[in-house]
């Protein structure tokens, strides 16, 4: 443990920044480089369905439910809901559909999905009600999912007779413990 030279707060000697005054210690401070790419968008209906970011540096852009009336999802029910938009994601990138934390907290869990750069149709979101006892309602124009566009590496799968050894080996779920 060390004392911060600015505010005298005791901090972990391996910390890069004081937790009280944010004075920087150790390695050069890492700043993420924000790269902006263009993704073409075709709006099939109304401008309200354009992807929406609350904050300019948010990774995900919210997608809305393009439905005419509320949909009741009963426990365990899955429903495909259109987004009102189609995208042209650049080659080398993929769109990942993710749940919105607010909608998930209400029991409207969007199942993750993949939008390949070659797909040109309207995006849809699979929404699932994981709650055992109640139905949930998805309302028209409600923000229920988000899309994150990220680069990917193209993988060539090569069949081999055996795989190399590792520290973990074949130990799977739960093998690293709970704590």
N, C-alpha and C. Protein backbone atom coordinates (compact mmCIF):
# COMPACT_ATOMS: atom_id res chain seq x y z
N UNK A 1 0.85 -1.18 0.00
CA UNK A 1 0.00 0.00 0.00
C UNK A 1 0.89 1.25 0.00
N UNK A 2 0.41 2.29 -0.65
CA UNK A 2 1.13 3.56 -0.73
C UNK A 2 0.18 4.70 -0.46
N UNK A 3 0.75 5.87 -0.15
CA UNK A 3 -0.04 7.08 0.02
C UNK A 3 0.05 7.93 -1.24
N UNK A 4 -1.08 8.45 -1.69
CA UNK A 4 -1.11 9.33 -2.85
C UNK A 4 -0.36 10.61 -2.49
N UNK A 5 0.49 11.07 -3.39
CA UNK A 5 1.27 12.28 -3.12
C UNK A 5 0.42 13.54 -3.19
N UNK A 6 -0.77 13.46 -3.76
CA UNK A 6 -1.64 14.63 -3.88
C UNK A 6 -2.62 14.73 -2.72
N UNK A 7 -3.38 13.66 -2.46
CA UNK A 7 -4.43 13.73 -1.44
C UNK A 7 -4.14 12.89 -0.20
N UNK A 8 -3.02 12.16 -0.22
CA UNK A 8 -2.58 11.32 0.91
C UNK A 8 -3.45 10.09 1.14
N UNK A 9 -4.38 9.81 0.22
CA UNK A 9 -5.21 8.61 0.30
C UNK A 9 -4.32 7.38 0.18
N UNK A 10 -4.63 6.33 0.94
CA UNK A 10 -3.89 5.07 0.83
C UNK A 10 -4.47 4.28 -0.34
N UNK A 11 -3.59 3.87 -1.26
CA UNK A 11 -4.05 3.13 -2.43
C UNK A 11 -3.17 1.91 -2.65
N UNK A 12 -3.67 0.96 -3.41
CA UNK A 12 -2.94 -0.25 -3.75
C UNK A 12 -1.76 0.12 -4.62
N UNK A 13 -0.59 -0.40 -4.31
CA UNK A 13 0.62 -0.03 -5.05
C UNK A 13 0.57 -0.44 -6.52
N UNK A 14 -0.34 -1.36 -6.88
CA UNK A 14 -0.46 -1.79 -8.27
C UNK A 14 -1.51 -0.98 -9.04
N UNK A 15 -2.21 -0.09 -8.33
CA UNK A 15 -3.23 0.72 -8.98
C UNK A 15 -2.57 1.75 -9.89
N UNK A 16 -3.23 2.05 -10.99
CA UNK A 16 -2.71 3.05 -11.91
C UNK A 16 -3.18 4.45 -11.55
N UNK A 17 -4.29 4.54 -10.79
CA UNK A 17 -4.90 5.83 -10.48
C UNK A 17 -5.37 5.83 -9.03
N UNK A 18 -5.20 6.96 -8.34
CA UNK A 18 -5.73 7.11 -6.99
C UNK A 18 -7.26 7.11 -7.07
N UNK A 19 -7.91 6.34 -6.19
CA UNK A 19 -9.36 6.23 -6.21
C UNK A 19 -10.07 7.47 -5.70
N UNK A 20 -9.36 8.42 -5.08
CA UNK A 20 -9.99 9.61 -4.53
C UNK A 20 -9.81 10.82 -5.46
N UNK A 21 -8.56 11.13 -5.82
CA UNK A 21 -8.32 12.34 -6.61
C UNK A 21 -8.01 12.05 -8.08
N UNK A 22 -7.94 10.77 -8.45
CA UNK A 22 -7.67 10.34 -9.83
C UNK A 22 -6.29 10.71 -10.35
N UNK A 23 -5.35 11.01 -9.44
CA UNK A 23 -3.98 11.25 -9.89
C UNK A 23 -3.46 9.96 -10.50
N UNK A 24 -2.80 10.09 -11.63
CA UNK A 24 -2.32 8.93 -12.37
C UNK A 24 -0.93 8.50 -11.87
N UNK A 25 -0.76 7.18 -11.70
CA UNK A 25 0.52 6.59 -11.29
C UNK A 25 0.89 5.47 -12.24
N UNK A 26 2.15 5.16 -12.33
CA UNK A 26 2.57 3.95 -13.05
C UNK A 26 2.60 4.12 -14.55
N UNK A 27 1.99 3.17 -15.23
CA UNK A 27 2.04 3.10 -16.69
C UNK A 27 1.37 4.31 -17.33
N UNK A 28 1.76 4.62 -18.57
CA UNK A 28 1.05 5.71 -19.26
C UNK A 28 -0.44 5.40 -19.30
N UNK A 29 -1.24 6.42 -19.05
CA UNK A 29 -2.68 6.22 -19.01
C UNK A 29 -3.17 5.83 -20.40
N UNK A 30 -4.00 4.77 -20.46
CA UNK A 30 -4.55 4.30 -21.72
C UNK A 30 -5.83 5.05 -22.03
N UNK A 31 -5.91 5.59 -23.21
CA UNK A 31 -7.12 6.24 -23.68
C UNK A 31 -7.62 5.47 -24.89
N UNK A 32 -8.87 5.04 -24.89
CA UNK A 32 -9.37 4.29 -26.04
C UNK A 32 -9.43 5.18 -27.27
N UNK A 33 -9.09 4.61 -28.40
CA UNK A 33 -9.17 5.33 -29.66
C UNK A 33 -10.53 5.01 -30.28
N UNK A 34 -11.32 6.04 -30.48
CA UNK A 34 -12.66 5.86 -31.01
C UNK A 34 -12.59 5.90 -32.53
N UNK A 35 -12.90 4.78 -33.16
CA UNK A 35 -12.94 4.69 -34.61
C UNK A 35 -14.39 4.70 -35.06
N UNK A 36 -14.71 5.57 -35.98
CA UNK A 36 -16.08 5.67 -36.48
C UNK A 36 -16.12 5.11 -37.89
N UNK A 37 -17.02 4.17 -38.14
CA UNK A 37 -17.22 3.62 -39.48
C UNK A 37 -18.63 3.99 -39.93
N UNK A 38 -18.83 3.99 -41.21
CA UNK A 38 -20.17 4.27 -41.74
C UNK A 38 -20.89 2.96 -42.02
N UNK A 39 -22.11 2.89 -41.55
CA UNK A 39 -22.98 1.75 -41.83
C UNK A 39 -24.21 2.29 -42.53
N UNK A 40 -24.44 1.83 -43.76
CA UNK A 40 -25.61 2.29 -44.51
C UNK A 40 -26.88 1.75 -43.87
N UNK A 41 -27.92 2.57 -43.93
CA UNK A 41 -29.16 2.25 -43.25
C UNK A 41 -30.32 2.50 -44.18
N UNK A 42 -31.28 1.58 -44.21
CA UNK A 42 -32.51 1.75 -44.97
C UNK A 42 -33.65 1.70 -43.98
N UNK A 43 -34.36 2.81 -43.88
CA UNK A 43 -35.49 2.90 -42.97
C UNK A 43 -36.74 2.46 -43.71
N UNK A 44 -37.34 1.39 -43.25
CA UNK A 44 -38.48 0.83 -43.97
C UNK A 44 -39.80 1.53 -43.67
N UNK A 45 -39.86 2.35 -42.64
CA UNK A 45 -41.15 2.95 -42.28
C UNK A 45 -41.03 4.39 -41.81
N UNK A 46 -40.70 4.61 -40.56
CA UNK A 46 -40.81 5.89 -39.89
C UNK A 46 -39.47 6.26 -39.25
N UNK A 47 -39.07 7.53 -39.26
CA UNK A 47 -37.78 7.93 -38.65
C UNK A 47 -37.63 7.56 -37.18
N UNK A 48 -38.73 7.33 -36.47
CA UNK A 48 -38.64 6.93 -35.06
C UNK A 48 -37.87 5.62 -34.90
N UNK A 49 -37.79 4.81 -35.97
CA UNK A 49 -37.13 3.51 -35.88
C UNK A 49 -35.63 3.57 -36.16
N UNK A 50 -35.09 4.75 -36.45
CA UNK A 50 -33.64 4.85 -36.66
C UNK A 50 -32.92 4.46 -35.37
N UNK A 51 -31.78 3.77 -35.47
CA UNK A 51 -31.02 3.40 -34.26
C UNK A 51 -30.70 4.66 -33.44
N UNK A 52 -30.78 4.54 -32.13
CA UNK A 52 -30.68 5.70 -31.24
C UNK A 52 -29.64 5.46 -30.15
N UNK A 53 -28.74 6.43 -29.98
CA UNK A 53 -27.77 6.40 -28.88
C UNK A 53 -28.09 7.56 -27.93
N UNK A 54 -28.26 7.25 -26.66
CA UNK A 54 -28.52 8.28 -25.66
C UNK A 54 -27.29 9.15 -25.47
N UNK A 55 -26.11 8.52 -25.47
CA UNK A 55 -24.84 9.23 -25.30
C UNK A 55 -23.97 8.95 -26.52
N UNK A 56 -23.23 9.93 -26.98
CA UNK A 56 -22.47 9.80 -28.22
C UNK A 56 -21.44 8.68 -28.19
N UNK A 57 -20.91 8.34 -27.03
CA UNK A 57 -19.87 7.30 -26.96
C UNK A 57 -20.42 5.94 -26.54
N UNK A 58 -21.74 5.78 -26.49
CA UNK A 58 -22.33 4.47 -26.19
C UNK A 58 -21.96 3.48 -27.30
N UNK A 59 -21.65 2.26 -26.93
CA UNK A 59 -21.31 1.23 -27.91
C UNK A 59 -22.53 0.79 -28.69
N UNK A 60 -23.65 0.64 -28.01
CA UNK A 60 -24.85 0.13 -28.65
C UNK A 60 -25.82 1.23 -29.03
N UNK A 61 -26.54 1.01 -30.12
CA UNK A 61 -27.60 1.91 -30.55
C UNK A 61 -28.93 1.16 -30.37
N UNK A 62 -29.87 1.80 -29.71
CA UNK A 62 -31.15 1.17 -29.39
C UNK A 62 -31.99 0.93 -30.64
N UNK A 63 -32.70 -0.19 -30.63
CA UNK A 63 -33.63 -0.56 -31.69
C UNK A 63 -35.03 -0.65 -31.09
N UNK A 64 -36.02 -0.24 -31.87
CA UNK A 64 -37.41 -0.21 -31.40
C UNK A 64 -38.24 -1.33 -32.02
N UNK A 65 -39.34 -1.62 -31.34
CA UNK A 65 -40.28 -2.63 -31.82
C UNK A 65 -41.20 -1.99 -32.86
N UNK A 66 -41.13 -2.50 -34.11
CA UNK A 66 -42.03 -2.01 -35.16
C UNK A 66 -43.26 -2.90 -35.18
N UNK A 67 -44.17 -2.60 -34.25
CA UNK A 67 -45.43 -3.34 -34.13
C UNK A 67 -46.57 -2.34 -34.03
N UNK A 68 -47.76 -2.73 -34.45
CA UNK A 68 -48.91 -1.83 -34.47
C UNK A 68 -49.67 -1.80 -33.15
N UNK A 69 -49.61 -2.88 -32.39
CA UNK A 69 -50.32 -2.95 -31.11
C UNK A 69 -49.46 -3.72 -30.11
N UNK A 70 -49.74 -3.55 -28.82
CA UNK A 70 -48.94 -4.26 -27.81
C UNK A 70 -48.99 -5.77 -28.00
N UNK A 71 -47.89 -6.42 -27.65
CA UNK A 71 -47.80 -7.88 -27.71
C UNK A 71 -47.60 -8.40 -26.30
N UNK A 72 -48.44 -9.36 -25.90
CA UNK A 72 -48.30 -10.02 -24.59
C UNK A 72 -47.44 -11.25 -24.77
N UNK A 73 -46.36 -11.30 -23.99
CA UNK A 73 -45.51 -12.49 -23.98
C UNK A 73 -45.79 -13.25 -22.69
N UNK A 74 -46.30 -14.44 -22.83
CA UNK A 74 -46.59 -15.27 -21.67
C UNK A 74 -45.30 -15.95 -21.21
N UNK A 75 -45.26 -16.48 -19.99
CA UNK A 75 -44.04 -17.12 -19.48
C UNK A 75 -43.49 -18.15 -20.47
N UNK A 76 -42.21 -18.03 -20.78
CA UNK A 76 -41.55 -18.96 -21.68
C UNK A 76 -41.79 -18.70 -23.16
N UNK A 77 -42.57 -17.68 -23.50
CA UNK A 77 -42.90 -17.41 -24.89
C UNK A 77 -41.81 -16.61 -25.58
N UNK A 78 -41.56 -16.94 -26.85
CA UNK A 78 -40.59 -16.26 -27.71
C UNK A 78 -41.36 -15.64 -28.86
N UNK A 79 -41.02 -14.38 -29.21
CA UNK A 79 -41.72 -13.69 -30.28
C UNK A 79 -40.72 -12.93 -31.12
N UNK A 80 -40.85 -13.03 -32.44
CA UNK A 80 -39.98 -12.31 -33.38
C UNK A 80 -40.60 -10.96 -33.67
N UNK A 81 -39.85 -9.87 -33.35
CA UNK A 81 -40.36 -8.52 -33.51
C UNK A 81 -39.49 -7.76 -34.51
N UNK A 82 -40.10 -7.18 -35.56
CA UNK A 82 -39.33 -6.43 -36.54
C UNK A 82 -38.83 -5.09 -35.98
N UNK A 83 -37.72 -4.59 -36.55
CA UNK A 83 -37.11 -3.35 -36.07
C UNK A 83 -37.47 -2.13 -36.91
N UNK A 84 -37.95 -2.33 -38.14
CA UNK A 84 -38.26 -1.20 -39.00
C UNK A 84 -37.07 -0.71 -39.82
N UNK A 85 -35.92 -1.35 -39.70
CA UNK A 85 -34.75 -0.91 -40.46
C UNK A 85 -33.97 -2.10 -41.03
N UNK A 86 -33.26 -1.82 -42.10
CA UNK A 86 -32.31 -2.76 -42.68
C UNK A 86 -30.96 -2.04 -42.74
N UNK A 87 -29.88 -2.76 -42.60
CA UNK A 87 -28.55 -2.14 -42.60
C UNK A 87 -27.64 -2.83 -43.61
N UNK A 88 -26.63 -2.08 -44.05
CA UNK A 88 -25.56 -2.62 -44.88
C UNK A 88 -24.28 -2.44 -44.08
N UNK A 89 -23.93 -3.46 -43.34
CA UNK A 89 -22.74 -3.42 -42.49
C UNK A 89 -21.52 -3.65 -43.37
N UNK A 90 -20.46 -2.85 -43.21
CA UNK A 90 -19.29 -2.99 -44.06
C UNK A 90 -18.64 -4.37 -43.92
N UNK A 91 -18.02 -4.88 -44.99
CA UNK A 91 -17.28 -6.15 -44.90
C UNK A 91 -16.21 -6.05 -43.81
N UNK A 92 -16.01 -7.15 -43.08
CA UNK A 92 -15.06 -7.16 -41.97
C UNK A 92 -15.68 -6.77 -40.64
N UNK A 93 -16.97 -6.43 -40.66
CA UNK A 93 -17.70 -6.06 -39.44
C UNK A 93 -18.93 -6.94 -39.32
N UNK A 94 -19.47 -7.01 -38.12
CA UNK A 94 -20.68 -7.77 -37.86
C UNK A 94 -21.54 -6.97 -36.88
N UNK A 95 -22.85 -7.06 -37.03
CA UNK A 95 -23.76 -6.43 -36.08
C UNK A 95 -24.19 -7.44 -35.04
N UNK A 96 -24.03 -7.11 -33.79
CA UNK A 96 -24.44 -8.00 -32.70
C UNK A 96 -25.67 -7.41 -32.02
N UNK A 97 -26.76 -8.15 -32.00
CA UNK A 97 -27.97 -7.72 -31.31
C UNK A 97 -27.86 -8.15 -29.85
N UNK A 98 -28.07 -7.21 -28.96
CA UNK A 98 -27.94 -7.44 -27.53
C UNK A 98 -29.20 -6.97 -26.81
N UNK A 99 -29.46 -7.54 -25.63
CA UNK A 99 -30.60 -7.04 -24.85
C UNK A 99 -30.30 -5.65 -24.30
N UNK A 100 -31.31 -4.84 -24.14
CA UNK A 100 -31.18 -3.57 -23.39
C UNK A 100 -31.37 -3.93 -21.93
N UNK A 101 -30.53 -3.39 -21.08
CA UNK A 101 -30.62 -3.76 -19.66
C UNK A 101 -31.96 -3.36 -19.05
N UNK A 102 -32.51 -2.22 -19.43
CA UNK A 102 -33.80 -1.80 -18.90
C UNK A 102 -34.92 -2.75 -19.28
N UNK A 103 -34.95 -3.15 -20.53
CA UNK A 103 -36.00 -4.07 -20.99
C UNK A 103 -35.81 -5.44 -20.35
N UNK A 104 -34.56 -5.88 -20.21
CA UNK A 104 -34.29 -7.19 -19.60
C UNK A 104 -34.77 -7.22 -18.15
N UNK A 105 -34.58 -6.11 -17.45
CA UNK A 105 -35.01 -6.03 -16.06
C UNK A 105 -36.51 -6.14 -15.91
N UNK A 106 -37.25 -5.84 -16.98
CA UNK A 106 -38.71 -5.95 -16.95
C UNK A 106 -39.18 -7.31 -17.44
N UNK A 107 -38.24 -8.20 -17.76
CA UNK A 107 -38.61 -9.54 -18.23
C UNK A 107 -38.70 -9.65 -19.73
N UNK A 108 -38.24 -8.64 -20.46
CA UNK A 108 -38.26 -8.68 -21.93
C UNK A 108 -36.83 -8.93 -22.38
N UNK A 109 -36.46 -10.17 -22.49
CA UNK A 109 -35.08 -10.52 -22.79
C UNK A 109 -34.92 -10.75 -24.29
N UNK A 110 -34.14 -9.89 -24.93
CA UNK A 110 -33.86 -10.08 -26.35
C UNK A 110 -32.76 -11.13 -26.46
N UNK A 111 -33.01 -12.14 -27.26
CA UNK A 111 -32.01 -13.17 -27.49
C UNK A 111 -30.95 -12.59 -28.41
N UNK A 112 -29.69 -12.78 -28.06
CA UNK A 112 -28.62 -12.21 -28.87
C UNK A 112 -28.68 -12.76 -30.29
N UNK A 113 -28.25 -11.94 -31.23
CA UNK A 113 -28.29 -12.33 -32.63
C UNK A 113 -27.12 -11.74 -33.38
N UNK A 114 -26.92 -12.23 -34.58
CA UNK A 114 -25.81 -11.80 -35.43
C UNK A 114 -26.37 -11.28 -36.75
N UNK A 115 -25.93 -10.10 -37.16
CA UNK A 115 -26.29 -9.54 -38.46
C UNK A 115 -25.01 -9.53 -39.30
N UNK A 116 -24.93 -10.43 -40.26
CA UNK A 116 -23.76 -10.50 -41.13
C UNK A 116 -23.74 -9.34 -42.12
N UNK A 117 -22.54 -9.01 -42.59
CA UNK A 117 -22.40 -7.89 -43.52
C UNK A 117 -23.10 -8.15 -44.86
N UNK A 118 -23.39 -9.39 -45.18
CA UNK A 118 -24.05 -9.70 -46.45
C UNK A 118 -25.58 -9.65 -46.35
N UNK A 119 -26.15 -9.54 -45.15
CA UNK A 119 -27.60 -9.54 -44.98
C UNK A 119 -28.16 -8.15 -45.28
N UNK A 120 -29.25 -8.09 -46.04
CA UNK A 120 -29.85 -6.81 -46.42
C UNK A 120 -31.31 -6.68 -46.01
N UNK A 121 -31.87 -7.65 -45.35
CA UNK A 121 -33.28 -7.60 -44.97
C UNK A 121 -33.51 -6.80 -43.70
N UNK A 122 -34.78 -6.61 -43.36
CA UNK A 122 -35.13 -5.91 -42.12
C UNK A 122 -34.65 -6.73 -40.93
N UNK A 123 -34.00 -6.07 -39.99
CA UNK A 123 -33.56 -6.76 -38.77
C UNK A 123 -34.77 -7.04 -37.90
N UNK A 124 -34.76 -8.22 -37.29
CA UNK A 124 -35.79 -8.58 -36.31
C UNK A 124 -35.12 -9.01 -35.03
N UNK A 125 -35.85 -8.88 -33.93
CA UNK A 125 -35.32 -9.23 -32.63
C UNK A 125 -36.18 -10.32 -32.02
N UNK A 126 -35.57 -11.38 -31.56
CA UNK A 126 -36.29 -12.44 -30.86
C UNK A 126 -36.37 -12.05 -29.39
N UNK A 127 -37.58 -11.82 -28.93
CA UNK A 127 -37.79 -11.39 -27.54
C UNK A 127 -38.43 -12.54 -26.78
N UNK A 128 -37.89 -12.80 -25.60
CA UNK A 128 -38.28 -13.95 -24.78
C UNK A 128 -38.71 -13.48 -23.40
N UNK A 129 -39.75 -14.09 -22.86
CA UNK A 129 -40.18 -13.80 -21.49
C UNK A 129 -39.69 -14.91 -20.58
N UNK A 130 -38.62 -14.65 -19.79
CA UNK A 130 -38.08 -15.69 -18.91
C UNK A 130 -38.78 -15.77 -17.56
N UNK A 131 -39.73 -14.88 -17.29
CA UNK A 131 -40.41 -14.85 -15.99
C UNK A 131 -41.41 -16.00 -15.92
N UNK A 132 -41.41 -16.71 -14.79
CA UNK A 132 -42.25 -17.90 -14.64
C UNK A 132 -43.73 -17.61 -14.41
N UNK A 133 -44.05 -16.49 -13.76
CA UNK A 133 -45.42 -16.33 -13.28
C UNK A 133 -46.26 -15.28 -14.00
N UNK A 134 -45.66 -14.32 -14.68
CA UNK A 134 -46.44 -13.23 -15.28
C UNK A 134 -46.15 -13.08 -16.76
N UNK A 135 -47.10 -12.47 -17.45
CA UNK A 135 -46.84 -12.09 -18.83
C UNK A 135 -46.17 -10.72 -18.82
N UNK A 136 -45.47 -10.39 -19.89
CA UNK A 136 -44.90 -9.05 -20.06
C UNK A 136 -45.45 -8.50 -21.37
N UNK A 137 -45.47 -7.19 -21.49
CA UNK A 137 -46.02 -6.53 -22.67
C UNK A 137 -44.91 -5.78 -23.38
N UNK A 138 -44.81 -5.97 -24.70
CA UNK A 138 -43.93 -5.18 -25.54
C UNK A 138 -44.83 -4.20 -26.28
N UNK A 139 -44.55 -2.91 -26.11
CA UNK A 139 -45.38 -1.87 -26.69
C UNK A 139 -44.83 -1.39 -28.04
N UNK A 140 -45.71 -0.86 -28.90
CA UNK A 140 -45.24 -0.30 -30.16
C UNK A 140 -44.18 0.78 -29.92
N UNK A 141 -43.13 0.75 -30.72
CA UNK A 141 -42.03 1.73 -30.69
C UNK A 141 -41.18 1.66 -29.43
N UNK A 142 -41.38 0.65 -28.61
CA UNK A 142 -40.55 0.49 -27.40
C UNK A 142 -39.13 0.07 -27.77
N UNK A 143 -38.15 0.66 -27.09
CA UNK A 143 -36.75 0.27 -27.30
C UNK A 143 -36.51 -1.05 -26.58
N UNK A 144 -36.23 -2.12 -27.34
CA UNK A 144 -36.14 -3.44 -26.72
C UNK A 144 -34.80 -4.13 -26.93
N UNK A 145 -33.96 -3.60 -27.82
CA UNK A 145 -32.67 -4.24 -28.09
C UNK A 145 -31.68 -3.16 -28.50
N UNK A 146 -30.45 -3.57 -28.69
CA UNK A 146 -29.45 -2.65 -29.22
C UNK A 146 -28.55 -3.40 -30.18
N UNK A 147 -27.99 -2.65 -31.12
CA UNK A 147 -27.06 -3.24 -32.07
C UNK A 147 -25.68 -2.62 -31.82
N UNK A 148 -24.69 -3.49 -31.81
CA UNK A 148 -23.29 -3.08 -31.68
C UNK A 148 -22.57 -3.61 -32.91
N UNK A 149 -21.91 -2.72 -33.65
CA UNK A 149 -21.18 -3.12 -34.84
C UNK A 149 -19.70 -3.21 -34.48
N UNK A 150 -19.12 -4.40 -34.68
CA UNK A 150 -17.72 -4.63 -34.29
C UNK A 150 -16.97 -5.34 -35.41
N UNK A 151 -15.64 -5.13 -35.46
CA UNK A 151 -14.84 -5.88 -36.44
C UNK A 151 -14.68 -7.33 -35.99
N UNK A 152 -14.42 -8.19 -36.94
CA UNK A 152 -14.19 -9.60 -36.60
C UNK A 152 -13.04 -10.13 -37.43
N UNK A 153 -12.47 -11.22 -36.98
CA UNK A 153 -11.42 -11.92 -37.72
C UNK A 153 -12.06 -13.10 -38.43
N UNK A 154 -11.78 -13.25 -39.70
CA UNK A 154 -12.29 -14.40 -40.45
C UNK A 154 -11.49 -15.62 -40.01
N UNK A 155 -12.18 -16.67 -39.64
CA UNK A 155 -11.54 -17.88 -39.13
C UNK A 155 -11.59 -18.98 -40.17
N UNK A 156 -10.45 -19.62 -40.37
CA UNK A 156 -10.40 -20.81 -41.21
C UNK A 156 -10.30 -22.00 -40.26
N UNK A 157 -11.30 -22.88 -40.30
CA UNK A 157 -11.30 -24.03 -39.42
C UNK A 157 -10.49 -25.14 -40.09
N UNK A 158 -9.52 -25.68 -39.36
CA UNK A 158 -8.64 -26.71 -39.88
C UNK A 158 -8.83 -27.96 -39.04
N UNK A 159 -9.22 -29.05 -39.67
CA UNK A 159 -9.42 -30.31 -38.94
C UNK A 159 -8.06 -30.94 -38.68
N UNK A 160 -7.85 -31.36 -37.41
CA UNK A 160 -6.59 -32.00 -37.01
C UNK A 160 -6.91 -33.30 -36.27
N UNK A 161 -5.88 -34.13 -36.07
CA UNK A 161 -6.08 -35.40 -35.35
C UNK A 161 -6.14 -35.20 -33.84
N UNK A 162 -5.49 -34.15 -33.34
CA UNK A 162 -5.54 -33.85 -31.90
C UNK A 162 -5.23 -32.39 -31.68
N UNK A 163 -5.66 -31.88 -30.53
CA UNK A 163 -5.41 -30.49 -30.16
C UNK A 163 -4.24 -30.40 -29.21
N UNK A 164 -3.57 -29.26 -29.20
CA UNK A 164 -2.45 -29.05 -28.29
C UNK A 164 -2.89 -29.02 -26.84
N UNK A 165 -1.96 -29.27 -25.94
CA UNK A 165 -2.28 -29.28 -24.51
C UNK A 165 -2.33 -27.86 -23.97
N UNK A 166 -3.07 -27.68 -22.87
CA UNK A 166 -3.15 -26.39 -22.17
C UNK A 166 -3.27 -26.66 -20.68
N UNK A 167 -3.11 -25.61 -19.88
CA UNK A 167 -3.26 -25.74 -18.43
C UNK A 167 -4.66 -26.21 -18.04
N UNK A 168 -5.66 -25.76 -18.76
CA UNK A 168 -7.05 -26.09 -18.43
C UNK A 168 -7.46 -27.45 -18.97
N UNK A 169 -6.95 -27.82 -20.11
CA UNK A 169 -7.33 -29.11 -20.70
C UNK A 169 -8.78 -29.14 -21.09
N UNK A 170 -9.49 -30.19 -20.70
CA UNK A 170 -10.90 -30.35 -21.06
C UNK A 170 -11.85 -29.94 -19.94
N UNK A 171 -11.32 -29.34 -18.87
CA UNK A 171 -12.18 -28.91 -17.75
C UNK A 171 -13.11 -27.82 -18.24
N UNK A 172 -14.41 -27.98 -18.03
CA UNK A 172 -15.41 -27.06 -18.57
C UNK A 172 -16.09 -26.21 -17.52
N UNK A 173 -17.42 -26.11 -17.63
CA UNK A 173 -18.22 -25.23 -16.77
C UNK A 173 -17.91 -25.46 -15.30
N UNK A 174 -17.63 -24.37 -14.59
CA UNK A 174 -17.40 -24.43 -13.15
C UNK A 174 -16.02 -24.91 -12.75
N UNK A 175 -15.17 -25.20 -13.72
CA UNK A 175 -13.87 -25.80 -13.39
C UNK A 175 -12.90 -24.83 -12.72
N UNK A 176 -13.14 -23.53 -12.82
CA UNK A 176 -12.22 -22.57 -12.19
C UNK A 176 -12.68 -22.14 -10.81
N UNK A 177 -13.78 -22.69 -10.33
CA UNK A 177 -14.26 -22.39 -8.99
C UNK A 177 -15.20 -21.21 -8.96
N UNK A 178 -15.74 -20.93 -7.77
CA UNK A 178 -16.72 -19.85 -7.62
C UNK A 178 -16.10 -18.59 -7.05
N UNK A 179 -15.01 -18.67 -6.39
CA UNK A 179 -14.43 -17.49 -5.74
C UNK A 179 -13.07 -17.19 -6.29
